[in-house]
All heavy atoms as atom14 arrays in JSON, in Angstrom:
{
  "sequence": "TEVTLATIARMAGVGRAAAANWLRRHGGLEATGGTSESPLFPRAAAE",
  "atom14_mask": [
    [1, 1, 1, 1, 1, 1, 1, 0, 0, 0, 0, 0, 0, 0],
    [1, 1, 1, 1, 1, 1, 1, 1, 1, 0, 0, 0, 0, 0],
    [1, 1, 1, 1, 1, 1, 1, 0, 0, 0, 0, 0, 0, 0],
    [1, 1, 1, 1, 1, 1, 1, 0, 0, 0, 0, 0, 0, 0],
    [1, 1, 1, 1, 1, 1, 1, 1, 0, 0, 0, 0, 0, 0],
    [1, 1, 1, 1, 1, 0, 0, 0, 0, 0, 0, 0, 0, 0],
    [1, 1, 1, 1, 1, 1, 1, 0, 0, 0, 0, 0, 0, 0],
    [1, 1, 1, 1, 1, 1, 1, 1, 0, 0, 0, 0, 0, 0],
    [1, 1, 1, 1, 1, 0, 0, 0, 0, 0, 0, 0, 0, 0],
    [1, 1, 1, 1, 1, 1, 1, 1, 1, 1, 1, 0, 0, 0],
    [1, 1, 1, 1, 1, 1, 1, 1, 0, 0, 0, 0, 0, 0],
    [1, 1, 1, 1, 1, 0, 0, 0, 0, 0, 0, 0, 0, 0],
    [1, 1, 1, 1, 0, 0, 0, 0, 0, 0, 0, 0, 0, 0],
    [1, 1, 1, 1, 1, 1, 1, 0, 0, 0, 0, 0, 0, 0],
    [1, 1, 1, 1, 0, 0, 0, 0, 0, 0, 0, 0, 0, 0],
    [1, 1, 1, 1, 1, 1, 1, 1, 1, 1, 1, 0, 0, 0],
    [1, 1, 1, 1, 1, 0, 0, 0, 0, 0, 0, 0, 0, 0],
    [1, 1, 1, 1, 1, 0, 0, 0, 0, 0, 0, 0, 0, 0],
    [1, 1, 1, 1, 1, 0, 0, 0, 0, 0, 0, 0, 0, 0],
    [1, 1, 1, 1, 1, 0, 0, 0, 0, 0, 0, 0, 0, 0],
    [1, 1, 1, 1, 1, 1, 1, 1, 0, 0, 0, 0, 0, 0],
    [1, 1, 1, 1, 1, 1, 1, 1, 1, 1, 1, 1, 1, 1],
    [1, 1, 1, 1, 1, 1, 1, 1, 0, 0, 0, 0, 0, 0],
    [1, 1, 1, 1, 1, 1, 1, 1, 1, 1, 1, 0, 0, 0],
    [1, 1, 1, 1, 1, 1, 1, 1, 1, 1, 1, 0, 0, 0],
    [1, 1, 1, 1, 1, 1, 1, 1, 1, 1, 0, 0, 0, 0],
    [1, 1, 1, 1, 0, 0, 0, 0, 0, 0, 0, 0, 0, 0],
    [1, 1, 1, 1, 0, 0, 0, 0, 0, 0, 0, 0, 0, 0],
    [1, 1, 1, 1, 1, 1, 1, 1, 0, 0, 0, 0, 0, 0],
    [1, 1, 1, 1, 1, 1, 1, 1, 1, 0, 0, 0, 0, 0],
    [1, 1, 1, 1, 1, 0, 0, 0, 0, 0, 0, 0, 0, 0],
    [1, 1, 1, 1, 1, 1, 1, 0, 0, 0, 0, 0, 0, 0],
    [1, 1, 1, 1, 0, 0, 0, 0, 0, 0, 0, 0, 0, 0],
    [1, 1, 1, 1, 0, 0, 0, 0, 0, 0, 0, 0, 0, 0],
    [1, 1, 1, 1, 1, 1, 1, 0, 0, 0, 0, 0, 0, 0],
    [1, 1, 1, 1, 1, 1, 0, 0, 0, 0, 0, 0, 0, 0],
    [1, 1, 1, 1, 1, 1, 1, 1, 1, 0, 0, 0, 0, 0],
    [1, 1, 1, 1, 1, 1, 0, 0, 0, 0, 0, 0, 0, 0],
    [1, 1, 1, 1, 1, 1, 1, 0, 0, 0, 0, 0, 0, 0],
    [1, 1, 1, 1, 1, 1, 1, 1, 0, 0, 0, 0, 0, 0],
    [1, 1, 1, 1, 1, 1, 1, 1, 1, 1, 1, 0, 0, 0],
    [1, 1, 1, 1, 1, 1, 1, 0, 0, 0, 0, 0, 0, 0],
    [1, 1, 1, 1, 1, 1, 1, 1, 1, 1, 1, 0, 0, 0],
    [1, 1, 1, 1, 1, 0, 0, 0, 0, 0, 0, 0, 0, 0],
    [1, 1, 1, 1, 1, 0, 0, 0, 0, 0, 0, 0, 0, 0],
    [1, 1, 1, 1, 1, 0, 0, 0, 0, 0, 0, 0, 0, 0],
    [1, 1, 1, 1, 1, 1, 1, 1, 1, 0, 0, 0, 0, 0]
  ],
  "atom14_positions": [
    [[15.96, 163.76, -159.17], [14.95, 163.01, -159.86], [15.53, 162.13, -160.97], [14.85, 161.21, -161.53], [13.82, 163.87, -160.51], [14.52, 164.83, -161.37], [13.12, 164.68, -159.4], [0.0, 0.0, 0.0], [0.0, 0.0, 0.0], [0.0, 0.0, 0.0], [0.0, 0.0, 0.0], [0.0, 0.0, 0.0], [0.0, 0.0, 0.0], [0.0, 0.0, 0.0]],
    [[16.79, 162.43, -161.25], [17.45, 161.56, -162.28], [18.67, 160.89, -161.61], [19.36, 161.49, -160.75], [17.95, 162.36, -163.51], [16.79, 162.88, -164.32], [17.27, 163.58, -165.58], [18.14, 164.44, -165.47], [16.82, 163.25, -166.62], [0.0, 0.0, 0.0], [0.0, 0.0, 0.0], [0.0, 0.0, 0.0], [0.0, 0.0, 0.0], [0.0, 0.0, 0.0]],
    [[18.97, 159.64, -162.02], [20.11, 158.94, -161.47], [20.97, 158.38, -162.54], [20.54, 158.12, -163.65], [19.59, 157.77, -160.57], [18.87, 158.38, -159.33], [18.63, 156.81, -161.29], [0.0, 0.0, 0.0], [0.0, 0.0, 0.0], [0.0, 0.0, 0.0], [0.0, 0.0, 0.0], [0.0, 0.0, 0.0], [0.0, 0.0, 0.0], [0.0, 0.0, 0.0]],
    [[22.26, 158.08, -162.2], [23.17, 157.47, -163.1], [23.05, 155.93, -163.04], [22.38, 155.41, -162.07], [24.64, 157.84, -162.77], [24.89, 157.34, -161.41], [24.8, 159.35, -162.81], [0.0, 0.0, 0.0], [0.0, 0.0, 0.0], [0.0, 0.0, 0.0], [0.0, 0.0, 0.0], [0.0, 0.0, 0.0], [0.0, 0.0, 0.0], [0.0, 0.0, 0.0]],
    [[23.66, 155.27, -163.96], [23.69, 153.82, -163.91], [24.45, 153.32, -162.59], [24.01, 152.29, -162.04], [24.31, 153.18, -165.13], [24.11, 151.78, -165.5], [22.59, 151.46, -165.51], [24.75, 151.45, -166.77], [0.0, 0.0, 0.0], [0.0, 0.0, 0.0], [0.0, 0.0, 0.0], [0.0, 0.0, 0.0], [0.0, 0.0, 0.0], [0.0, 0.0, 0.0]],
    [[25.41, 154.05, -162.14], [26.07, 153.64, -160.98], [25.18, 153.71, -159.74], [25.19, 152.92, -158.9], [27.31, 154.6, -160.71], [0.0, 0.0, 0.0], [0.0, 0.0, 0.0], [0.0, 0.0, 0.0], [0.0, 0.0, 0.0], [0.0, 0.0, 0.0], [0.0, 0.0, 0.0], [0.0, 0.0, 0.0], [0.0, 0.0, 0.0], [0.0, 0.0, 0.0]],
    [[24.28, 154.72, -159.73], [23.35, 154.83, -158.64], [22.32, 153.72, -158.68], [21.97, 153.16, -157.7], [22.62, 156.18, -158.69], [23.59, 157.18, -158.58], [21.6, 156.33, -157.56], [0.0, 0.0, 0.0], [0.0, 0.0, 0.0], [0.0, 0.0, 0.0], [0.0, 0.0, 0.0], [0.0, 0.0, 0.0], [0.0, 0.0, 0.0], [0.0, 0.0, 0.0]],
    [[21.9, 153.41, -159.9], [20.95, 152.28, -160.07], [21.61, 150.91, -159.59], [20.95, 150.14, -158.91], [20.52, 152.1, -161.55], [19.7, 153.36, -161.98], [19.76, 150.87, -161.82], [19.41, 153.47, -163.46], [0.0, 0.0, 0.0], [0.0, 0.0, 0.0], [0.0, 0.0, 0.0], [0.0, 0.0, 0.0], [0.0, 0.0, 0.0], [0.0, 0.0, 0.0]],
    [[22.87, 150.77, -159.9], [23.62, 149.63, -159.39], [23.61, 149.56, -157.86], [23.34, 148.5, -157.29], [25.05, 149.59, -159.98], [0.0, 0.0, 0.0], [0.0, 0.0, 0.0], [0.0, 0.0, 0.0], [0.0, 0.0, 0.0], [0.0, 0.0, 0.0], [0.0, 0.0, 0.0], [0.0, 0.0, 0.0], [0.0, 0.0, 0.0], [0.0, 0.0, 0.0]],
    [[23.9, 150.74, -157.22], [23.95, 150.71, -155.78], [22.57, 150.44, -155.19], [22.45, 149.73, -154.21], [24.42, 152.1, -155.27], [25.88, 152.29, -155.38], [26.34, 153.55, -154.59], [25.81, 154.77, -155.13], [26.36, 155.41, -156.1], [27.35, 155.01, -156.78], [25.77, 156.58, -156.51], [0.0, 0.0, 0.0], [0.0, 0.0, 0.0], [0.0, 0.0, 0.0]],
    [[21.47, 150.85, -155.83], [20.14, 150.58, -155.36], [19.91, 149.04, -155.33], [19.24, 148.54, -154.46], [19.13, 151.17, -156.28], [18.93, 152.68, -156.14], [17.4, 153.21, -156.94], [17.93, 153.96, -158.39], [0.0, 0.0, 0.0], [0.0, 0.0, 0.0], [0.0, 0.0, 0.0], [0.0, 0.0, 0.0], [0.0, 0.0, 0.0], [0.0, 0.0, 0.0]],
    [[20.48, 148.35, -156.33], [20.3, 146.88, -156.38], [21.43, 146.1, -155.65], [21.35, 144.89, -155.56], [20.32, 146.54, -157.88], [0.0, 0.0, 0.0], [0.0, 0.0, 0.0], [0.0, 0.0, 0.0], [0.0, 0.0, 0.0], [0.0, 0.0, 0.0], [0.0, 0.0, 0.0], [0.0, 0.0, 0.0], [0.0, 0.0, 0.0], [0.0, 0.0, 0.0]],
    [[22.42, 146.83, -155.12], [23.45, 146.18, -154.43], [24.47, 145.45, -155.25], [24.96, 144.44, -154.85], [0.0, 0.0, 0.0], [0.0, 0.0, 0.0], [0.0, 0.0, 0.0], [0.0, 0.0, 0.0], [0.0, 0.0, 0.0], [0.0, 0.0, 0.0], [0.0, 0.0, 0.0], [0.0, 0.0, 0.0], [0.0, 0.0, 0.0], [0.0, 0.0, 0.0]],
    [[24.69, 145.95, -156.47], [25.58, 145.29, -157.41], [26.51, 146.37, -157.99], [26.37, 147.54, -157.74], [24.88, 144.61, -158.56], [23.94, 143.53, -158.09], [24.05, 145.61, -159.36], [0.0, 0.0, 0.0], [0.0, 0.0, 0.0], [0.0, 0.0, 0.0], [0.0, 0.0, 0.0], [0.0, 0.0, 0.0], [0.0, 0.0, 0.0], [0.0, 0.0, 0.0]],
    [[27.58, 145.97, -158.75], [28.37, 146.88, -159.39], [27.73, 147.49, -160.64], [26.8, 146.96, -161.2], [0.0, 0.0, 0.0], [0.0, 0.0, 0.0], [0.0, 0.0, 0.0], [0.0, 0.0, 0.0], [0.0, 0.0, 0.0], [0.0, 0.0, 0.0], [0.0, 0.0, 0.0], [0.0, 0.0, 0.0], [0.0, 0.0, 0.0], [0.0, 0.0, 0.0]],
    [[28.37, 148.54, -161.21], [27.83, 149.25, -162.37], [27.82, 148.32, -163.58], [26.83, 148.38, -164.39], [28.67, 150.49, -162.7], [28.08, 151.31, -163.81], [28.99, 152.5, -164.17], [28.45, 153.28, -165.22], [28.39, 152.97, -166.5], [28.87, 151.8, -166.95], [27.89, 153.81, -167.39], [0.0, 0.0, 0.0], [0.0, 0.0, 0.0], [0.0, 0.0, 0.0]],
    [[28.8, 147.43, -163.72], [28.9, 146.57, -164.85], [27.64, 145.62, -164.87], [27.09, 145.29, -165.97], [30.2, 145.69, -164.83], [0.0, 0.0, 0.0], [0.0, 0.0, 0.0], [0.0, 0.0, 0.0], [0.0, 0.0, 0.0], [0.0, 0.0, 0.0], [0.0, 0.0, 0.0], [0.0, 0.0, 0.0], [0.0, 0.0, 0.0], [0.0, 0.0, 0.0]],
    [[27.22, 145.14, -163.73], [26.0, 144.24, -163.64], [24.83, 144.98, -164.1], [24.02, 144.48, -164.93], [25.88, 143.73, -162.25], [0.0, 0.0, 0.0], [0.0, 0.0, 0.0], [0.0, 0.0, 0.0], [0.0, 0.0, 0.0], [0.0, 0.0, 0.0], [0.0, 0.0, 0.0], [0.0, 0.0, 0.0], [0.0, 0.0, 0.0], [0.0, 0.0, 0.0]],
    [[24.66, 146.23, -163.7], [23.45, 147.01, -164.04], [23.54, 147.32, -165.54], [22.47, 147.22, -166.24], [23.4, 148.26, -163.23], [0.0, 0.0, 0.0], [0.0, 0.0, 0.0], [0.0, 0.0, 0.0], [0.0, 0.0, 0.0], [0.0, 0.0, 0.0], [0.0, 0.0, 0.0], [0.0, 0.0, 0.0], [0.0, 0.0, 0.0], [0.0, 0.0, 0.0]],
    [[24.69, 147.58, -166.1], [24.84, 147.91, -167.53], [24.49, 146.62, -168.34], [23.87, 146.68, -169.41], [26.29, 148.36, -167.81], [0.0, 0.0, 0.0], [0.0, 0.0, 0.0], [0.0, 0.0, 0.0], [0.0, 0.0, 0.0], [0.0, 0.0, 0.0], [0.0, 0.0, 0.0], [0.0, 0.0, 0.0], [0.0, 0.0, 0.0], [0.0, 0.0, 0.0]],
    [[24.86, 145.47, -167.78], [24.58, 144.21, -168.45], [23.05, 143.96, -168.48], [22.55, 143.55, -169.51], [25.36, 143.05, -167.74], [25.26, 141.75, -168.53], [25.19, 141.78, -169.76], [25.28, 140.61, -167.83], [0.0, 0.0, 0.0], [0.0, 0.0, 0.0], [0.0, 0.0, 0.0], [0.0, 0.0, 0.0], [0.0, 0.0, 0.0], [0.0, 0.0, 0.0]],
    [[22.42, 144.22, -167.34], [20.87, 144.09, -167.31], [20.23, 144.87, -168.35], [19.35, 144.55, -169.03], [20.36, 144.36, -165.96], [20.84, 143.49, -164.85], [21.36, 142.23, -164.95], [20.83, 143.81, -163.45], [21.69, 141.71, -163.75], [21.36, 142.68, -162.77], [20.52, 144.92, -162.73], [21.48, 142.7, -161.36], [20.67, 144.97, -161.33], [21.1, 143.81, -160.73]],
    [[20.73, 146.16, -168.42], [20.17, 147.17, -169.37], [20.37, 146.64, -170.82], [19.45, 146.72, -171.59], [20.74, 148.49, -169.12], [20.18, 149.62, -169.95], [18.69, 149.8, -169.7], [20.92, 150.94, -169.63], [0.0, 0.0, 0.0], [0.0, 0.0, 0.0], [0.0, 0.0, 0.0], [0.0, 0.0, 0.0], [0.0, 0.0, 0.0], [0.0, 0.0, 0.0]],
    [[21.53, 146.16, -171.08], [21.86, 145.69, -172.43], [21.02, 144.47, -172.76], [20.51, 144.31, -173.87], [23.35, 145.39, -172.53], [23.89, 145.17, -173.86], [25.45, 145.12, -173.92], [26.14, 144.42, -172.82], [26.72, 145.06, -171.82], [26.8, 146.36, -171.72], [27.28, 144.31, -170.82], [0.0, 0.0, 0.0], [0.0, 0.0, 0.0], [0.0, 0.0, 0.0]],
    [[20.84, 143.53, -171.8], [20.1, 142.31, -172.03], [18.57, 142.49, -172.11], [17.85, 141.86, -172.83], [20.4, 141.23, -170.98], [21.75, 140.67, -171.08], [21.92, 139.58, -170.07], [23.19, 138.95, -170.19], [23.68, 138.01, -169.37], [22.93, 137.53, -168.42], [24.88, 137.5, -169.57], [0.0, 0.0, 0.0], [0.0, 0.0, 0.0], [0.0, 0.0, 0.0]],
    [[18.08, 143.3, -171.11], [16.6, 143.45, -170.97], [15.97, 144.66, -171.55], [14.79, 144.66, -171.8], [16.28, 143.35, -169.53], [16.77, 142.08, -168.81], [16.23, 140.83, -169.08], [17.83, 141.85, -168.01], [16.89, 139.91, -168.35], [17.84, 140.55, -167.68], [0.0, 0.0, 0.0], [0.0, 0.0, 0.0], [0.0, 0.0, 0.0], [0.0, 0.0, 0.0]],
    [[16.8, 145.74, -171.69], [16.26, 147.01, -172.15], [15.21, 147.53, -171.16], [15.19, 147.13, -170.02], [0.0, 0.0, 0.0], [0.0, 0.0, 0.0], [0.0, 0.0, 0.0], [0.0, 0.0, 0.0], [0.0, 0.0, 0.0], [0.0, 0.0, 0.0], [0.0, 0.0, 0.0], [0.0, 0.0, 0.0], [0.0, 0.0, 0.0], [0.0, 0.0, 0.0]],
    [[14.28, 148.29, -171.7], [13.12, 148.76, -170.93], [13.39, 149.93, -170.02], [12.48, 150.28, -169.28], [0.0, 0.0, 0.0], [0.0, 0.0, 0.0], [0.0, 0.0, 0.0], [0.0, 0.0, 0.0], [0.0, 0.0, 0.0], [0.0, 0.0, 0.0], [0.0, 0.0, 0.0], [0.0, 0.0, 0.0], [0.0, 0.0, 0.0], [0.0, 0.0, 0.0]],
    [[14.56, 150.52, -170.09], [14.8, 151.74, -169.29], [15.48, 152.73, -170.29], [16.62, 152.51, -170.72], [15.74, 151.43, -168.1], [16.03, 152.56, -167.17], [14.77, 153.11, -166.53], [16.98, 152.15, -166.08], [0.0, 0.0, 0.0], [0.0, 0.0, 0.0], [0.0, 0.0, 0.0], [0.0, 0.0, 0.0], [0.0, 0.0, 0.0], [0.0, 0.0, 0.0]],
    [[14.78, 153.86, -170.48], [15.33, 154.82, -171.42], [15.99, 156.04, -170.67], [15.41, 156.56, -169.74], [14.09, 155.37, -172.22], [13.5, 154.3, -173.15], [14.44, 153.71, -174.17], [15.24, 154.51, -174.7], [14.37, 152.54, -174.4], [0.0, 0.0, 0.0], [0.0, 0.0, 0.0], [0.0, 0.0, 0.0], [0.0, 0.0, 0.0], [0.0, 0.0, 0.0]],
    [[17.09, 156.36, -171.15], [17.84, 157.54, -170.59], [17.04, 158.85, -171.02], [16.48, 158.92, -172.11], [19.27, 157.58, -171.11], [0.0, 0.0, 0.0], [0.0, 0.0, 0.0], [0.0, 0.0, 0.0], [0.0, 0.0, 0.0], [0.0, 0.0, 0.0], [0.0, 0.0, 0.0], [0.0, 0.0, 0.0], [0.0, 0.0, 0.0], [0.0, 0.0, 0.0]],
    [[17.04, 159.8, -170.07], [16.4, 161.07, -170.34], [17.4, 162.27, -170.42], [17.03, 163.34, -170.63], [15.35, 161.35, -169.33], [15.97, 161.3, -168.03], [14.21, 160.34, -169.34], [0.0, 0.0, 0.0], [0.0, 0.0, 0.0], [0.0, 0.0, 0.0], [0.0, 0.0, 0.0], [0.0, 0.0, 0.0], [0.0, 0.0, 0.0], [0.0, 0.0, 0.0]],
    [[18.66, 161.92, -170.22], [19.71, 162.93, -170.33], [21.02, 162.33, -170.14], [21.27, 161.19, -170.25], [0.0, 0.0, 0.0], [0.0, 0.0, 0.0], [0.0, 0.0, 0.0], [0.0, 0.0, 0.0], [0.0, 0.0, 0.0], [0.0, 0.0, 0.0], [0.0, 0.0, 0.0], [0.0, 0.0, 0.0], [0.0, 0.0, 0.0], [0.0, 0.0, 0.0]],
    [[21.98, 163.28, -169.83], [23.4, 162.83, -169.73], [24.07, 162.61, -171.08], [23.69, 163.25, -172.03], [0.0, 0.0, 0.0], [0.0, 0.0, 0.0], [0.0, 0.0, 0.0], [0.0, 0.0, 0.0], [0.0, 0.0, 0.0], [0.0, 0.0, 0.0], [0.0, 0.0, 0.0], [0.0, 0.0, 0.0], [0.0, 0.0, 0.0], [0.0, 0.0, 0.0]],
    [[25.04, 161.77, -171.0], [25.83, 161.47, -172.26], [25.71, 159.97, -172.58], [25.27, 159.22, -171.74], [27.25, 161.89, -172.12], [27.9, 161.03, -171.07], [27.41, 163.29, -171.71], [0.0, 0.0, 0.0], [0.0, 0.0, 0.0], [0.0, 0.0, 0.0], [0.0, 0.0, 0.0], [0.0, 0.0, 0.0], [0.0, 0.0, 0.0], [0.0, 0.0, 0.0]],
    [[26.29, 159.52, -173.66], [26.3, 158.15, -173.99], [27.14, 157.36, -173.08], [26.88, 156.22, -172.7], [26.75, 157.89, -175.39], [28.02, 158.4, -175.62], [0.0, 0.0, 0.0], [0.0, 0.0, 0.0], [0.0, 0.0, 0.0], [0.0, 0.0, 0.0], [0.0, 0.0, 0.0], [0.0, 0.0, 0.0], [0.0, 0.0, 0.0], [0.0, 0.0, 0.0]],
    [[28.18, 158.04, -172.52], [29.08, 157.34, -171.49], [28.45, 157.43, -170.12], [28.73, 156.56, -169.23], [30.45, 157.98, -171.47], [31.25, 157.75, -172.75], [30.9, 158.78, -173.87], [30.4, 159.93, -173.5], [30.99, 158.42, -175.03], [0.0, 0.0, 0.0], [0.0, 0.0, 0.0], [0.0, 0.0, 0.0], [0.0, 0.0, 0.0], [0.0, 0.0, 0.0]],
    [[27.67, 158.31, -169.84], [27.05, 158.56, -168.46], [25.59, 159.02, -168.6], [25.27, 160.2, -168.31], [27.87, 159.56, -167.67], [27.42, 159.64, -166.39], [0.0, 0.0, 0.0], [0.0, 0.0, 0.0], [0.0, 0.0, 0.0], [0.0, 0.0, 0.0], [0.0, 0.0, 0.0], [0.0, 0.0, 0.0], [0.0, 0.0, 0.0], [0.0, 0.0, 0.0]],
    [[24.73, 158.1, -169.02], [23.32, 158.47, -169.16], [22.61, 158.73, -167.83], [23.07, 158.23, -166.8], [22.73, 157.27, -169.88], [23.59, 156.17, -169.55], [24.98, 156.71, -169.35], [0.0, 0.0, 0.0], [0.0, 0.0, 0.0], [0.0, 0.0, 0.0], [0.0, 0.0, 0.0], [0.0, 0.0, 0.0], [0.0, 0.0, 0.0], [0.0, 0.0, 0.0]],
    [[21.58, 159.52, -167.87], [20.71, 159.76, -166.71], [19.38, 159.15, -166.91], [18.83, 159.21, -168.08], [20.65, 161.22, -166.42], [21.94, 161.99, -166.05], [21.66, 163.49, -166.03], [22.38, 161.49, -164.7], [0.0, 0.0, 0.0], [0.0, 0.0, 0.0], [0.0, 0.0, 0.0], [0.0, 0.0, 0.0], [0.0, 0.0, 0.0], [0.0, 0.0, 0.0]],
    [[18.84, 158.64, -165.87], [17.5, 157.96, -165.96], [16.61, 158.53, -164.88], [17.1, 158.87, -163.76], [17.73, 156.41, -165.67], [18.65, 155.72, -166.59], [20.04, 155.61, -166.3], [18.25, 155.2, -167.87], [20.91, 155.06, -167.16], [19.15, 154.61, -168.71], [20.45, 154.53, -168.33], [0.0, 0.0, 0.0], [0.0, 0.0, 0.0], [0.0, 0.0, 0.0]],
    [[15.28, 158.57, -165.13], [14.36, 159.0, -164.12], [14.39, 158.06, -162.9], [14.38, 156.82, -163.08], [13.02, 158.92, -164.81], [13.28, 158.85, -166.26], [14.6, 158.27, -166.45], [0.0, 0.0, 0.0], [0.0, 0.0, 0.0], [0.0, 0.0, 0.0], [0.0, 0.0, 0.0], [0.0, 0.0, 0.0], [0.0, 0.0, 0.0], [0.0, 0.0, 0.0]],
    [[14.57, 158.58, -161.71], [14.75, 157.73, -160.5], [13.52, 156.83, -160.37], [13.72, 155.57, -160.13], [14.79, 158.59, -159.27], [14.8, 157.77, -157.97], [14.87, 158.65, -156.74], [16.24, 159.16, -156.49], [17.17, 158.42, -155.87], [16.95, 157.19, -155.45], [18.35, 158.91, -155.75], [0.0, 0.0, 0.0], [0.0, 0.0, 0.0], [0.0, 0.0, 0.0]],
    [[12.32, 157.3, -160.53], [11.08, 156.42, -160.31], [11.09, 155.31, -161.35], [10.81, 154.12, -161.05], [9.81, 157.24, -160.44], [0.0, 0.0, 0.0], [0.0, 0.0, 0.0], [0.0, 0.0, 0.0], [0.0, 0.0, 0.0], [0.0, 0.0, 0.0], [0.0, 0.0, 0.0], [0.0, 0.0, 0.0], [0.0, 0.0, 0.0], [0.0, 0.0, 0.0]],
    [[11.44, 155.59, -162.63], [11.48, 154.56, -163.67], [12.59, 153.56, -163.39], [12.36, 152.39, -163.6], [11.68, 155.26, -165.03], [0.0, 0.0, 0.0], [0.0, 0.0, 0.0], [0.0, 0.0, 0.0], [0.0, 0.0, 0.0], [0.0, 0.0, 0.0], [0.0, 0.0, 0.0], [0.0, 0.0, 0.0], [0.0, 0.0, 0.0], [0.0, 0.0, 0.0]],
    [[13.69, 153.97, -162.89], [14.84, 153.08, -162.5], [14.36, 152.11, -161.43], [14.63, 150.93, -161.52], [16.06, 153.89, -162.2], [0.0, 0.0, 0.0], [0.0, 0.0, 0.0], [0.0, 0.0, 0.0], [0.0, 0.0, 0.0], [0.0, 0.0, 0.0], [0.0, 0.0, 0.0], [0.0, 0.0, 0.0], [0.0, 0.0, 0.0], [0.0, 0.0, 0.0]],
    [[13.74, 152.68, -160.39], [13.28, 151.82, -159.34], [12.26, 150.78, -159.79], [12.35, 149.57, -159.48], [12.68, 152.67, -158.21], [13.62, 153.55, -157.46], [13.02, 154.45, -156.4], [11.82, 154.39, -156.19], [13.73, 155.25, -155.81], [0.0, 0.0, 0.0], [0.0, 0.0, 0.0], [0.0, 0.0, 0.0], [0.0, 0.0, 0.0], [0.0, 0.0, 0.0]]
  ]
}
């Protein structure tokens, strides 16, 4: 039920850096666990 930023990037067909950039620019997705280096996000919210 939780996914990493790398998984989110794979869902969108891009690299992790692109997904991290979207998150930095647009916000709107809050981590629910993990660490600052490897946050975890709810799968449904990420989709």
